[in-house]
Amino acid sequence: MTLSPAPAVVAGYDGSPTAKAALLFAAGQAALRGRALRIVYARETSVALPQPSAVGLTREALWLVQRSSPGLRLGIGCAQAPPLAS
């Protein structure tokens, strides 16, 4: 039996102050556990966000993590989906 690698710690990021704090916390937890950090940006399909904005947010998130946790394995992702019904 082959064991799969440990799952990454996942953090959503939208550039808000709360997201920045959560991103840095997640980076610390990933480093503590020896796991990669996957940064995900998600948006509603009905919200028009120019591509440069999504790229800028991704760059900002990567910069924050690399500054606080150098050497941490990183991945990025973007998801687009309709909002969940409440």
PDB file of N, CA and C in Angstrom:
ATOM      1  N   MET A   1       0.851  -1.169   0.000  1.00  0.00           N
ATOM      2  CA  MET A   1       0.000   0.000   0.000  1.00  0.00           C
ATOM      3  C   MET A   1       0.893   1.228   0.000  1.00  0.00           C
ATOM      4  N   THR A   2       0.557   2.202  -0.853  1.00  0.00           N
ATOM      5  CA  THR A   2       1.297   3.455  -0.926  1.00  0.00           C
ATOM      6  C   THR A   2       0.498   4.536  -0.234  1.00  0.00           C
ATOM      7  N   LEU A   3       1.131   5.228   0.673  1.00  0.00           N
ATOM      8  CA  LEU A   3       0.470   6.326   1.359  1.00  0.00           C
ATOM      9  C   LEU A   3       0.564   7.585   0.519  1.00  0.00           C
ATOM     10  N   SER A   4      -0.525   8.342   0.468  1.00  0.00           N
ATOM     11  CA  SER A   4      -0.490   9.606  -0.267  1.00  0.00           C
ATOM     12  C   SER A   4       0.218  10.647   0.586  1.00  0.00           C
ATOM     13  N   PRO A   5       0.783  11.664  -0.058  1.00  0.00           N
ATOM     14  CA  PRO A   5       1.464  12.704   0.707  1.00  0.00           C
ATOM     15  C   PRO A   5       0.471  13.432   1.610  1.00  0.00           C
ATOM     16  N   ALA A   6       0.996  14.049   2.652  1.00  0.00           N
ATOM     17  CA  ALA A   6       0.146  14.788   3.584  1.00  0.00           C
ATOM     18  C   ALA A   6      -0.581  15.899   2.837  1.00  0.00           C
ATOM     19  N   PRO A   7      -1.846  16.104   3.149  1.00  0.00           N
ATOM     20  CA  PRO A   7      -2.588  17.165   2.468  1.00  0.00           C
ATOM     21  C   PRO A   7      -2.032  18.539   2.836  1.00  0.00           C
ATOM     22  N   ALA A   8      -2.214  19.468   1.928  1.00  0.00           N
ATOM     23  CA  ALA A   8      -1.771  20.839   2.166  1.00  0.00           C
ATOM     24  C   ALA A   8      -2.756  21.545   3.097  1.00  0.00           C
ATOM     25  N   VAL A   9      -2.270  22.555   3.770  1.00  0.00           N
ATOM     26  CA  VAL A   9      -3.131  23.476   4.505  1.00  0.00           C
ATOM     27  C   VAL A   9      -3.686  24.438   3.454  1.00  0.00           C
ATOM     28  N   VAL A  10      -4.985  24.707   3.485  1.00  0.00           N
ATOM     29  CA  VAL A  10      -5.623  25.560   2.487  1.00  0.00           C
ATOM     30  C   VAL A  10      -6.105  26.842   3.149  1.00  0.00           C
ATOM     31  N   ALA A  11      -5.829  27.981   2.489  1.00  0.00           N
ATOM     32  CA  ALA A  11      -6.289  29.269   2.993  1.00  0.00           C
ATOM     33  C   ALA A  11      -6.905  30.062   1.855  1.00  0.00           C
ATOM     34  N   GLY A  12      -8.090  30.598   2.092  1.00  0.00           N
ATOM     35  CA  GLY A  12      -8.714  31.492   1.130  1.00  0.00           C
ATOM     36  C   GLY A  12      -8.167  32.891   1.326  1.00  0.00           C
ATOM     37  N   TYR A  13      -8.084  33.667   0.247  1.00  0.00           N
ATOM     38  CA  TYR A  13      -7.524  35.011   0.348  1.00  0.00           C
ATOM     39  C   TYR A  13      -8.266  35.967  -0.568  1.00  0.00           C
ATOM     40  N   ASP A  14      -8.701  37.115   0.006  1.00  0.00           N
ATOM     41  CA  ASP A  14      -9.381  38.137  -0.787  1.00  0.00           C
ATOM     42  C   ASP A  14      -8.770  39.523  -0.596  1.00  0.00           C
ATOM     43  N   GLY A  15      -7.659  39.597   0.134  1.00  0.00           N
ATOM     44  CA  GLY A  15      -6.980  40.868   0.337  1.00  0.00           C
ATOM     45  C   GLY A  15      -7.444  41.660   1.538  1.00  0.00           C
ATOM     46  N   SER A  16      -8.500  41.227   2.208  1.00  0.00           N
ATOM     47  CA  SER A  16      -9.006  41.951   3.375  1.00  0.00           C
ATOM     48  C   SER A  16      -8.061  41.760   4.565  1.00  0.00           C
ATOM     49  N   PRO A  17      -8.121  42.659   5.559  1.00  0.00           N
ATOM     50  CA  PRO A  17      -7.283  42.496   6.747  1.00  0.00           C
ATOM     51  C   PRO A  17      -7.502  41.157   7.460  1.00  0.00           C
ATOM     52  N   THR A  18      -8.745  40.698   7.509  1.00  0.00           N
ATOM     53  CA  THR A  18      -9.037  39.415   8.140  1.00  0.00           C
ATOM     54  C   THR A  18      -8.406  38.271   7.347  1.00  0.00           C
ATOM     55  N   ALA A  19      -8.467  38.353   6.023  1.00  0.00           N
ATOM     56  CA  ALA A  19      -7.871  37.310   5.177  1.00  0.00           C
ATOM     57  C   ALA A  19      -6.353  37.299   5.322  1.00  0.00           C
ATOM     58  N   LYS A  20      -5.747  38.467   5.471  1.00  0.00           N
ATOM     59  CA  LYS A  20      -4.293  38.533   5.664  1.00  0.00           C
ATOM     60  C   LYS A  20      -3.892  37.830   6.953  1.00  0.00           C
ATOM     61  N   ALA A  21      -4.630  38.099   8.025  1.00  0.00           N
ATOM     62  CA  ALA A  21      -4.331  37.451   9.306  1.00  0.00           C
ATOM     63  C   ALA A  21      -4.520  35.939   9.201  1.00  0.00           C
ATOM     64  N   ALA A  22      -5.598  35.514   8.544  1.00  0.00           N
ATOM     65  CA  ALA A  22      -5.864  34.083   8.398  1.00  0.00           C
ATOM     66  C   ALA A  22      -4.796  33.422   7.524  1.00  0.00           C
ATOM     67  N   LEU A  23      -4.351  34.110   6.490  1.00  0.00           N
ATOM     68  CA  LEU A  23      -3.317  33.576   5.603  1.00  0.00           C
ATOM     69  C   LEU A  23      -2.012  33.356   6.365  1.00  0.00           C
ATOM     70  N   LEU A  24      -1.612  34.332   7.168  1.00  0.00           N
ATOM     71  CA  LEU A  24      -0.372  34.199   7.925  1.00  0.00           C
ATOM     72  C   LEU A  24      -0.488  33.120   9.000  1.00  0.00           C
ATOM     73  N   PHE A  25      -1.664  32.979   9.604  1.00  0.00           N
ATOM     74  CA  PHE A  25      -1.883  31.903  10.567  1.00  0.00           C
ATOM     75  C   PHE A  25      -1.770  30.544   9.872  1.00  0.00           C
ATOM     76  N   ALA A  26      -2.403  30.425   8.706  1.00  0.00           N
ATOM     77  CA  ALA A  26      -2.351  29.173   7.958  1.00  0.00           C
ATOM     78  C   ALA A  26      -0.922  28.840   7.541  1.00  0.00           C
ATOM     79  N   ALA A  27      -0.160  29.859   7.145  1.00  0.00           N
ATOM     80  CA  ALA A  27       1.243  29.635   6.770  1.00  0.00           C
ATOM     81  C   ALA A  27       2.030  29.108   7.962  1.00  0.00           C
ATOM     82  N   GLY A  28       1.797  29.675   9.126  1.00  0.00           N
ATOM     83  CA  GLY A  28       2.474  29.196  10.330  1.00  0.00           C
ATOM     84  C   GLY A  28       2.104  27.764  10.660  1.00  0.00           C
ATOM     85  N   GLN A  29       0.836  27.421  10.502  1.00  0.00           N
ATOM     86  CA  GLN A  29       0.386  26.058  10.775  1.00  0.00           C
ATOM     87  C   GLN A  29       0.975  25.075   9.759  1.00  0.00           C
ATOM     88  N   ALA A  30       1.056  25.485   8.506  1.00  0.00           N
ATOM     89  CA  ALA A  30       1.648  24.619   7.485  1.00  0.00           C
ATOM     90  C   ALA A  30       3.123  24.369   7.794  1.00  0.00           C
ATOM     91  N   ALA A  31       3.840  25.419   8.160  1.00  0.00           N
ATOM     92  CA  ALA A  31       5.262  25.278   8.503  1.00  0.00           C
ATOM     93  C   ALA A  31       5.434  24.379   9.719  1.00  0.00           C
ATOM     94  N   LEU A  32       4.590  24.564  10.714  1.00  0.00           N
ATOM     95  CA  LEU A  32       4.654  23.768  11.941  1.00  0.00           C
ATOM     96  C   LEU A  32       4.438  22.283  11.661  1.00  0.00           C
ATOM     97  N   ARG A  33       3.556  21.977  10.725  1.00  0.00           N
ATOM     98  CA  ARG A  33       3.211  20.588  10.409  1.00  0.00           C
ATOM     99  C   ARG A  33       4.027  20.002   9.250  1.00  0.00           C
ATOM    100  N   GLY A  34       4.897  20.820   8.656  1.00  0.00           N
ATOM    101  CA  GLY A  34       5.707  20.338   7.544  1.00  0.00           C
ATOM    102  C   GLY A  34       4.895  20.078   6.285  1.00  0.00           C
ATOM    103  N   ARG A  35       3.861  20.882   6.083  1.00  0.00           N
ATOM    104  CA  ARG A  35       2.985  20.712   4.917  1.00  0.00           C
ATOM    105  C   ARG A  35       3.083  21.920   3.997  1.00  0.00           C
ATOM    106  N   ALA A  36       2.612  21.755   2.801  1.00  0.00           N
ATOM    107  CA  ALA A  36       2.535  22.862   1.852  1.00  0.00           C
ATOM    108  C   ALA A  36       1.332  23.735   2.204  1.00  0.00           C
ATOM    109  N   LEU A  37       1.355  24.963   1.727  1.00  0.00           N
ATOM    110  CA  LEU A  37       0.225  25.867   1.875  1.00  0.00           C
ATOM    111  C   LEU A  37      -0.361  26.108   0.497  1.00  0.00           C
ATOM    112  N   ARG A  38      -1.657  25.902   0.367  1.00  0.00           N
ATOM    113  CA  ARG A  38      -2.354  26.185  -0.898  1.00  0.00           C
ATOM    114  C   ARG A  38      -3.218  27.410  -0.675  1.00  0.00           C
ATOM    115  N   ILE A  39      -2.958  28.450  -1.438  1.00  0.00           N
ATOM    116  CA  ILE A  39      -3.701  29.711  -1.347  1.00  0.00           C
ATOM    117  C   ILE A  39      -4.757  29.699  -2.441  1.00  0.00           C
ATOM    118  N   VAL A  40      -6.014  29.936  -2.050  1.00  0.00           N
ATOM    119  CA  VAL A  40      -7.123  29.865  -2.992  1.00  0.00           C
ATOM    120  C   VAL A  40      -7.877  31.183  -2.999  1.00  0.00           C
ATOM    121  N   TYR A  41      -8.182  31.639  -4.179  1.00  0.00           N
ATOM    122  CA  TYR A  41      -9.036  32.812  -4.350  1.00  0.00           C
ATOM    123  C   TYR A  41     -10.324  32.334  -5.000  1.00  0.00           C
ATOM    124  N   ALA A  42     -11.460  32.654  -4.392  1.00  0.00           N
ATOM    125  CA  ALA A  42     -12.752  32.236  -4.942  1.00  0.00           C
ATOM    126  C   ALA A  42     -13.635  33.464  -5.122  1.00  0.00           C
ATOM    127  N   ARG A  43     -14.443  33.432  -6.157  1.00  0.00           N
ATOM    128  CA  ARG A  43     -15.375  34.532  -6.373  1.00  0.00           C
ATOM    129  C   ARG A  43     -16.658  34.010  -6.982  1.00  0.00           C
ATOM    130  N   GLU A  44     -17.710  34.790  -6.810  1.00  0.00           N
ATOM    131  CA  GLU A  44     -18.996  34.431  -7.378  1.00  0.00           C
ATOM    132  C   GLU A  44     -18.935  34.617  -8.890  1.00  0.00           C
ATOM    133  N   THR A  45     -19.661  33.788  -9.610  1.00  0.00           N
ATOM    134  CA  THR A  45     -19.672  33.918 -11.070  1.00  0.00           C
ATOM    135  C   THR A  45     -20.357  35.207 -11.498  1.00  0.00           C
ATOM    136  N   SER A  46     -21.241  35.751 -10.662  1.00  0.00           N
ATOM    137  CA  SER A  46     -21.966  36.963 -11.025  1.00  0.00           C
ATOM    138  C   SER A  46     -21.148  38.233 -10.775  1.00  0.00           C
ATOM    139  N   VAL A  47     -20.022  38.126 -10.104  1.00  0.00           N
ATOM    140  CA  VAL A  47     -19.199  39.295  -9.801  1.00  0.00           C
ATOM    141  C   VAL A  47     -18.124  39.424 -10.863  1.00  0.00           C
ATOM    142  N   ALA A  48     -18.096  40.560 -11.503  1.00  0.00           N
ATOM    143  CA  ALA A  48     -17.079  40.785 -12.544  1.00  0.00           C
ATOM    144  C   ALA A  48     -15.811  41.317 -11.872  1.00  0.00           C
ATOM    145  N   LEU A  49     -14.766  40.541 -11.922  1.00  0.00           N
ATOM    146  CA  LEU A  49     -13.475  40.958 -11.378  1.00  0.00           C
ATOM    147  C   LEU A  49     -12.457  40.856 -12.498  1.00  0.00           C
ATOM    148  N   PRO A  50     -11.861  41.955 -12.867  1.00  0.00           N
ATOM    149  CA  PRO A  50     -10.868  41.883 -13.939  1.00  0.00           C
ATOM    150  C   PRO A  50      -9.726  40.951 -13.577  1.00  0.00           C
ATOM    151  N   GLN A  51      -9.220  40.239 -14.543  1.00  0.00           N
ATOM    152  CA  GLN A  51      -8.121  39.307 -14.325  1.00  0.00           C
ATOM    153  C   GLN A  51      -6.944  39.947 -13.600  1.00  0.00           C
ATOM    154  N   PRO A  52      -6.528  41.183 -13.949  1.00  0.00           N
ATOM    155  CA  PRO A  52      -5.393  41.767 -13.234  1.00  0.00           C
ATOM    156  C   PRO A  52      -5.603  41.858 -11.719  1.00  0.00           C
ATOM    157  N   SER A  53      -6.856  42.037 -11.279  1.00  0.00           N
ATOM    158  CA  SER A  53      -7.124  42.100  -9.845  1.00  0.00           C
ATOM    159  C   SER A  53      -6.858  40.753  -9.180  1.00  0.00           C
ATOM    160  N   ALA A  54      -7.286  39.673  -9.817  1.00  0.00           N
ATOM    161  CA  ALA A  54      -7.047  38.337  -9.271  1.00  0.00           C
ATOM    162  C   ALA A  54      -5.554  38.043  -9.246  1.00  0.00           C
ATOM    163  N   VAL A  55      -4.842  38.429 -10.282  1.00  0.00           N
ATOM    164  CA  VAL A  55      -3.393  38.222 -10.329  1.00  0.00           C
ATOM    165  C   VAL A  55      -2.715  39.046  -9.240  1.00  0.00           C
ATOM    166  N   GLY A  56      -3.157  40.274  -9.052  1.00  0.00           N
ATOM    167  CA  GLY A  56      -2.584  41.129  -8.019  1.00  0.00           C
ATOM    168  C   GLY A  56      -2.794  40.565  -6.621  1.00  0.00           C
ATOM    169  N   LEU A  57      -3.985  40.028  -6.365  1.00  0.00           N
ATOM    170  CA  LEU A  57      -4.255  39.420  -5.061  1.00  0.00           C
ATOM    171  C   LEU A  57      -3.369  38.197  -4.838  1.00  0.00           C
ATOM    172  N   THR A  58      -3.196  37.411  -5.879  1.00  0.00           N
ATOM    173  CA  THR A  58      -2.342  36.220  -5.772  1.00  0.00           C
ATOM    174  C   THR A  58      -0.908  36.615  -5.481  1.00  0.00           C
ATOM    175  N   ARG A  59      -0.413  37.608  -6.189  1.00  0.00           N
ATOM    176  CA  ARG A  59       0.963  38.072  -5.948  1.00  0.00           C
ATOM    177  C   ARG A  59       1.129  38.599  -4.528  1.00  0.00           C
ATOM    178  N   GLU A  60       0.142  39.356  -4.069  1.00  0.00           N
ATOM    179  CA  GLU A  60       0.197  39.896  -2.711  1.00  0.00           C
ATOM    180  C   GLU A  60       0.239  38.766  -1.680  1.00  0.00           C
ATOM    181  N   ALA A  61      -0.610  37.764  -1.864  1.00  0.00           N
ATOM    182  CA  ALA A  61      -0.663  36.637  -0.930  1.00  0.00           C
ATOM    183  C   ALA A  61       0.671  35.887  -0.922  1.00  0.00           C
ATOM    184  N   LEU A  62       1.215  35.626  -2.091  1.00  0.00           N
ATOM    185  CA  LEU A  62       2.499  34.925  -2.175  1.00  0.00           C
ATOM    186  C   LEU A  62       3.602  35.729  -1.499  1.00  0.00           C
ATOM    187  N   TRP A  63       3.620  37.032  -1.720  1.00  0.00           N
ATOM    188  CA  TRP A  63       4.632  37.901  -1.112  1.00  0.00           C
ATOM    189  C   TRP A  63       4.529  37.870   0.415  1.00  0.00           C
ATOM    190  N   LEU A  64       3.305  37.962   0.933  1.00  0.00           N
ATOM    191  CA  LEU A  64       3.108  37.937   2.388  1.00  0.00           C
ATOM    192  C   LEU A  64       3.637  36.638   2.998  1.00  0.00           C
ATOM    193  N   VAL A  65       3.309  35.525   2.363  1.00  0.00           N
ATOM    194  CA  VAL A  65       3.722  34.229   2.901  1.00  0.00           C
ATOM    195  C   VAL A  65       5.225  34.036   2.770  1.00  0.00           C
ATOM    196  N   GLN A  66       5.787  34.388   1.627  1.00  0.00           N
ATOM    197  CA  GLN A  66       7.230  34.216   1.436  1.00  0.00           C
ATOM    198  C   GLN A  66       8.026  35.073   2.419  1.00  0.00           C
ATOM    199  N   ARG A  67       7.490  36.236   2.769  1.00  0.00           N
ATOM    200  CA  ARG A  67       8.155  37.109   3.737  1.00  0.00           C
ATOM    201  C   ARG A  67       8.078  36.539   5.153  1.00  0.00           C
ATOM    202  N   SER A  68       6.936  35.953   5.501  1.00  0.00           N
ATOM    203  CA  SER A  68       6.750  35.458   6.868  1.00  0.00           C
ATOM    204  C   SER A  68       7.252  34.026   7.065  1.00  0.00           C
ATOM    205  N   SER A  69       7.213  33.219   6.021  1.00  0.00           N
ATOM    206  CA  SER A  69       7.605  31.808   6.117  1.00  0.00           C
ATOM    207  C   SER A  69       8.447  31.420   4.906  1.00  0.00           C
ATOM    208  N   PRO A  70       9.676  31.931   4.820  1.00  0.00           N
ATOM    209  CA  PRO A  70      10.501  31.598   3.660  1.00  0.00           C
ATOM    210  C   PRO A  70      10.745  30.094   3.571  1.00  0.00           C
ATOM    211  N   GLY A  71      10.744  29.586   2.367  1.00  0.00           N
ATOM    212  CA  GLY A  71      10.993  28.159   2.153  1.00  0.00           C
ATOM    213  C   GLY A  71       9.758  27.288   2.229  1.00  0.00           C
ATOM    214  N   LEU A  72       8.618  27.852   2.598  1.00  0.00           N
ATOM    215  CA  LEU A  72       7.378  27.079   2.672  1.00  0.00           C
ATOM    216  C   LEU A  72       6.936  26.714   1.258  1.00  0.00           C
ATOM    217  N   ARG A  73       6.548  25.452   1.060  1.00  0.00           N
ATOM    218  CA  ARG A  73       6.029  25.022  -0.249  1.00  0.00           C
ATOM    219  C   ARG A  73       4.656  25.650  -0.448  1.00  0.00           C
ATOM    220  N   LEU A  74       4.474  26.274  -1.622  1.00  0.00           N
ATOM    221  CA  LEU A  74       3.243  27.013  -1.891  1.00  0.00           C
ATOM    222  C   LEU A  74       2.574  26.528  -3.162  1.00  0.00           C
ATOM    223  N   GLY A  75       1.258  26.629  -3.170  1.00  0.00           N
ATOM    224  CA  GLY A  75       0.460  26.382  -4.362  1.00  0.00           C
ATOM    225  C   GLY A  75      -0.621  27.441  -4.411  1.00  0.00           C
ATOM    226  N   ILE A  76      -1.130  27.719  -5.584  1.00  0.00           N
ATOM    227  CA  ILE A  76      -2.211  28.703  -5.711  1.00  0.00           C
ATOM    228  C   ILE A  76      -3.336  28.104  -6.533  1.00  0.00           C
ATOM    229  N   GLY A  77      -4.533  28.644  -6.349  1.00  0.00           N
ATOM    230  CA  GLY A  77      -5.677  28.188  -7.104  1.00  0.00           C
ATOM    231  C   GLY A  77      -6.740  29.276  -7.163  1.00  0.00           C
ATOM    232  N   CYS A  78      -7.619  29.170  -8.132  1.00  0.00           N
ATOM    233  CA  CYS A  78      -8.702  30.126  -8.274  1.00  0.00           C
ATOM    234  C   CYS A  78      -9.959  29.339  -8.606  1.00  0.00           C
ATOM    235  N   ALA A  79     -11.038  29.668  -7.943  1.00  0.00           N
ATOM    236  CA  ALA A  79     -12.301  28.985  -8.186  1.00  0.00           C
ATOM    237  C   ALA A  79     -13.375  30.006  -8.500  1.00  0.00           C
ATOM    238  N   GLN A  80     -14.290  29.664  -9.365  1.00  0.00           N
ATOM    239  CA  GLN A  80     -15.388  30.523  -9.709  1.00  0.00           C
ATOM    240  C   GLN A  80     -16.658  29.687  -9.626  1.00  0.00           C
ATOM    241  N   ALA A  81     -17.585  30.113  -8.764  1.00  0.00           N
ATOM    242  CA  ALA A  81     -18.804  29.328  -8.558  1.00  0.00           C
ATOM    243  C   ALA A  81     -19.934  30.237  -8.130  1.00  0.00           C
ATOM    244  N   PRO A  82     -21.176  29.812  -8.323  1.00  0.00           N
ATOM    245  CA  PRO A  82     -22.294  30.617  -7.848  1.00  0.00           C
ATOM    246  C   PRO A  82     -22.365  30.591  -6.327  1.00  0.00           C
ATOM    247  N   PRO A  83     -22.935  31.621  -5.717  1.00  0.00           N
ATOM    248  CA  PRO A  83     -23.044  31.645  -4.261  1.00  0.00           C
ATOM    249  C   PRO A  83     -23.941  30.519  -3.753  1.00  0.00           C
ATOM    250  N   LEU A  84     -23.660  30.058  -2.550  1.00  0.00           N
ATOM    251  CA  LEU A  84     -24.491  29.006  -1.941  1.00  0.00           C
ATOM    252  C   LEU A  84     -25.787  29.614  -1.440  1.00  0.00           C
ATOM    253  N   ALA A  85     -26.872  28.891  -1.591  1.00  0.00           N
ATOM    254  CA  ALA A  85     -28.156  29.355  -1.081  1.00  0.00           C
ATOM    255  C   ALA A  85     -28.170  29.224   0.429  1.00  0.00           C
ATOM    256  N   SER A  86     -28.756  30.193   1.099  1.00  0.00           N
ATOM    257  CA  SER A  86     -28.792  30.140   2.562  1.00  0.00           C
ATOM    258  C   SER A  86     -30.083  29.567   3.081  1.00  0.00           C
TER     259      SER A  86
END
